[in-house]
Amino acid sequence: TIAVPDQSTTWALRELVVLHEIAHHLSPVEPAHGPEFTATFVELAGLVMGPEVGHVLRVVYAKEGVR
């Protein structure tokens, strides 16, 4: 049988968390959260969740000084 995760463990199944992990697989470079990873993550989020999400991530990252 397949167990359904309870609410205390479902954070790892959230869409952005899953996309974050996929971005690591698509850009396996150092530093792990460097510019290539960030660009990959933003692009994935935009493709999967919509261009608005990609735009919001770009704006937030720029405001925080993330490259």
N, C-alpha and C. Protein backbone atom coordinates (compact mmCIF):
# COMPACT_ATOMS: atom_id res chain seq x y z
N THR A 1 0.83 -1.20 0.00
CA THR A 1 0.00 0.00 0.00
C THR A 1 0.87 1.25 0.00
N ILE A 2 0.30 2.31 -0.50
CA ILE A 2 1.01 3.59 -0.53
C ILE A 2 0.47 4.46 0.59
N ALA A 3 1.38 4.96 1.41
CA ALA A 3 0.97 5.82 2.52
C ALA A 3 0.85 7.26 2.02
N VAL A 4 -0.19 7.91 2.43
CA VAL A 4 -0.38 9.32 2.10
C VAL A 4 0.33 10.13 3.18
N PRO A 5 1.25 11.04 2.77
CA PRO A 5 1.97 11.81 3.78
C PRO A 5 1.03 12.70 4.57
N ASP A 6 1.33 12.86 5.86
CA ASP A 6 0.51 13.78 6.65
C ASP A 6 0.99 15.21 6.40
N GLN A 7 0.27 16.17 6.93
CA GLN A 7 0.56 17.57 6.65
C GLN A 7 1.93 18.01 7.14
N SER A 8 2.49 17.36 8.13
CA SER A 8 3.79 17.78 8.64
C SER A 8 4.94 17.41 7.71
N THR A 9 4.69 16.53 6.73
CA THR A 9 5.75 16.12 5.81
C THR A 9 5.48 16.52 4.37
N THR A 10 4.39 17.17 4.08
CA THR A 10 4.06 17.48 2.70
C THR A 10 4.82 18.66 2.13
N TRP A 11 5.62 19.37 2.92
CA TRP A 11 6.37 20.51 2.40
C TRP A 11 7.27 20.08 1.25
N ALA A 12 7.80 18.86 1.31
CA ALA A 12 8.72 18.38 0.28
C ALA A 12 8.01 18.07 -1.03
N LEU A 13 6.70 17.99 -1.01
CA LEU A 13 5.95 17.70 -2.22
C LEU A 13 5.43 18.97 -2.88
N ARG A 14 5.70 20.11 -2.30
CA ARG A 14 5.24 21.36 -2.89
C ARG A 14 5.95 21.58 -4.21
N GLU A 15 5.24 22.19 -5.14
CA GLU A 15 5.72 22.35 -6.50
C GLU A 15 7.07 23.06 -6.58
N LEU A 16 7.24 24.15 -5.85
CA LEU A 16 8.51 24.87 -5.90
C LEU A 16 9.66 24.05 -5.34
N VAL A 17 9.40 23.24 -4.33
CA VAL A 17 10.45 22.39 -3.77
C VAL A 17 10.87 21.33 -4.78
N VAL A 18 9.89 20.74 -5.45
CA VAL A 18 10.18 19.73 -6.46
C VAL A 18 10.97 20.36 -7.61
N LEU A 19 10.54 21.55 -8.07
CA LEU A 19 11.24 22.24 -9.15
C LEU A 19 12.66 22.62 -8.73
N HIS A 20 12.83 23.00 -7.48
CA HIS A 20 14.16 23.32 -6.93
C HIS A 20 15.08 22.11 -7.08
N GLU A 21 14.60 20.96 -6.70
CA GLU A 21 15.42 19.75 -6.78
C GLU A 21 15.69 19.35 -8.23
N ILE A 22 14.71 19.50 -9.11
CA ILE A 22 14.93 19.22 -10.52
C ILE A 22 15.99 20.16 -11.09
N ALA A 23 15.95 21.43 -10.68
CA ALA A 23 16.94 22.40 -11.14
C ALA A 23 18.35 21.97 -10.75
N HIS A 24 18.51 21.37 -9.57
CA HIS A 24 19.83 20.85 -9.18
C HIS A 24 20.30 19.76 -10.14
N HIS A 25 19.40 18.92 -10.57
CA HIS A 25 19.76 17.85 -11.50
C HIS A 25 20.09 18.38 -12.89
N LEU A 26 19.44 19.46 -13.27
CA LEU A 26 19.67 20.04 -14.59
C LEU A 26 20.90 20.94 -14.64
N SER A 27 21.35 21.41 -13.49
CA SER A 27 22.54 22.27 -13.45
C SER A 27 23.45 21.83 -12.30
N PRO A 28 24.10 20.68 -12.46
CA PRO A 28 24.94 20.13 -11.37
C PRO A 28 26.32 20.80 -11.31
N VAL A 29 26.34 22.08 -10.99
CA VAL A 29 27.59 22.83 -10.93
C VAL A 29 27.75 23.43 -9.54
N GLU A 30 28.96 23.87 -9.27
CA GLU A 30 29.24 24.56 -8.01
C GLU A 30 29.37 26.04 -8.28
N PRO A 31 28.93 26.90 -7.40
CA PRO A 31 28.24 26.57 -6.16
C PRO A 31 26.82 26.05 -6.44
N ALA A 32 26.34 25.25 -5.53
CA ALA A 32 25.06 24.57 -5.73
C ALA A 32 23.89 25.53 -5.96
N HIS A 33 23.94 26.71 -5.40
CA HIS A 33 22.87 27.69 -5.57
C HIS A 33 23.39 28.95 -6.26
N GLY A 34 24.31 28.75 -7.19
CA GLY A 34 24.90 29.87 -7.91
C GLY A 34 24.03 30.34 -9.07
N PRO A 35 24.60 31.20 -9.90
CA PRO A 35 23.85 31.81 -11.01
C PRO A 35 23.24 30.82 -12.00
N GLU A 36 23.96 29.74 -12.33
CA GLU A 36 23.41 28.77 -13.28
C GLU A 36 22.21 28.05 -12.69
N PHE A 37 22.31 27.65 -11.43
CA PHE A 37 21.18 27.01 -10.75
C PHE A 37 20.00 27.96 -10.70
N THR A 38 20.24 29.20 -10.30
CA THR A 38 19.17 30.17 -10.15
C THR A 38 18.45 30.40 -11.48
N ALA A 39 19.21 30.54 -12.54
CA ALA A 39 18.60 30.74 -13.87
C ALA A 39 17.76 29.53 -14.26
N THR A 40 18.26 28.34 -13.99
CA THR A 40 17.53 27.11 -14.31
C THR A 40 16.25 27.01 -13.50
N PHE A 41 16.34 27.31 -12.21
CA PHE A 41 15.18 27.25 -11.33
C PHE A 41 14.10 28.24 -11.77
N VAL A 42 14.51 29.47 -12.07
CA VAL A 42 13.55 30.49 -12.50
C VAL A 42 12.89 30.09 -13.82
N GLU A 43 13.67 29.56 -14.73
CA GLU A 43 13.11 29.14 -16.02
C GLU A 43 12.12 27.99 -15.83
N LEU A 44 12.47 27.01 -15.01
CA LEU A 44 11.55 25.90 -14.74
C LEU A 44 10.26 26.38 -14.11
N ALA A 45 10.39 27.24 -13.10
CA ALA A 45 9.20 27.75 -12.42
C ALA A 45 8.30 28.48 -13.41
N GLY A 46 8.90 29.27 -14.28
CA GLY A 46 8.11 29.98 -15.28
C GLY A 46 7.42 29.05 -16.26
N LEU A 47 8.12 28.01 -16.68
CA LEU A 47 7.54 27.06 -17.63
C LEU A 47 6.42 26.23 -17.01
N VAL A 48 6.63 25.78 -15.78
CA VAL A 48 5.68 24.88 -15.14
C VAL A 48 4.54 25.63 -14.45
N MET A 49 4.87 26.70 -13.75
CA MET A 49 3.87 27.39 -12.93
C MET A 49 3.32 28.66 -13.59
N GLY A 50 3.95 29.07 -14.69
CA GLY A 50 3.47 30.24 -15.40
C GLY A 50 4.49 31.36 -15.40
N PRO A 51 4.44 32.19 -16.45
CA PRO A 51 5.43 33.26 -16.59
C PRO A 51 5.39 34.27 -15.44
N GLU A 52 4.23 34.43 -14.82
CA GLU A 52 4.14 35.36 -13.69
C GLU A 52 5.02 34.91 -12.54
N VAL A 53 5.05 33.60 -12.29
CA VAL A 53 5.88 33.06 -11.20
C VAL A 53 7.35 33.29 -11.52
N GLY A 54 7.74 33.02 -12.75
CA GLY A 54 9.12 33.26 -13.16
C GLY A 54 9.50 34.72 -12.97
N HIS A 55 8.59 35.62 -13.35
CA HIS A 55 8.84 37.06 -13.21
C HIS A 55 8.99 37.44 -11.74
N VAL A 56 8.10 36.96 -10.90
CA VAL A 56 8.17 37.28 -9.47
C VAL A 56 9.48 36.80 -8.88
N LEU A 57 9.90 35.58 -9.23
CA LEU A 57 11.17 35.08 -8.73
C LEU A 57 12.33 35.95 -9.18
N ARG A 58 12.33 36.37 -10.45
CA ARG A 58 13.40 37.25 -10.95
C ARG A 58 13.44 38.55 -10.17
N VAL A 59 12.27 39.14 -9.93
CA VAL A 59 12.20 40.42 -9.21
C VAL A 59 12.70 40.26 -7.77
N VAL A 60 12.24 39.22 -7.11
CA VAL A 60 12.67 38.97 -5.70
C VAL A 60 14.17 38.70 -5.66
N TYR A 61 14.67 37.87 -6.55
CA TYR A 61 16.11 37.58 -6.57
C TYR A 61 16.91 38.85 -6.83
N ALA A 62 16.47 39.66 -7.78
CA ALA A 62 17.19 40.91 -8.09
C ALA A 62 17.20 41.83 -6.88
N LYS A 63 16.05 41.94 -6.21
CA LYS A 63 15.97 42.81 -5.02
C LYS A 63 16.92 42.33 -3.92
N GLU A 64 17.08 41.02 -3.82
CA GLU A 64 17.94 40.46 -2.78
C GLU A 64 19.40 40.32 -3.21
N GLY A 65 19.69 40.71 -4.45
CA GLY A 65 21.07 40.65 -4.93
C GLY A 65 21.52 39.28 -5.38
N VAL A 66 20.57 38.39 -5.64
CA VAL A 66 20.91 37.05 -6.12
C VAL A 66 21.19 37.13 -7.61
N ARG A 67 22.30 36.53 -8.05
CA ARG A 67 22.62 36.52 -9.47
C ARG A 67 22.11 35.27 -10.14
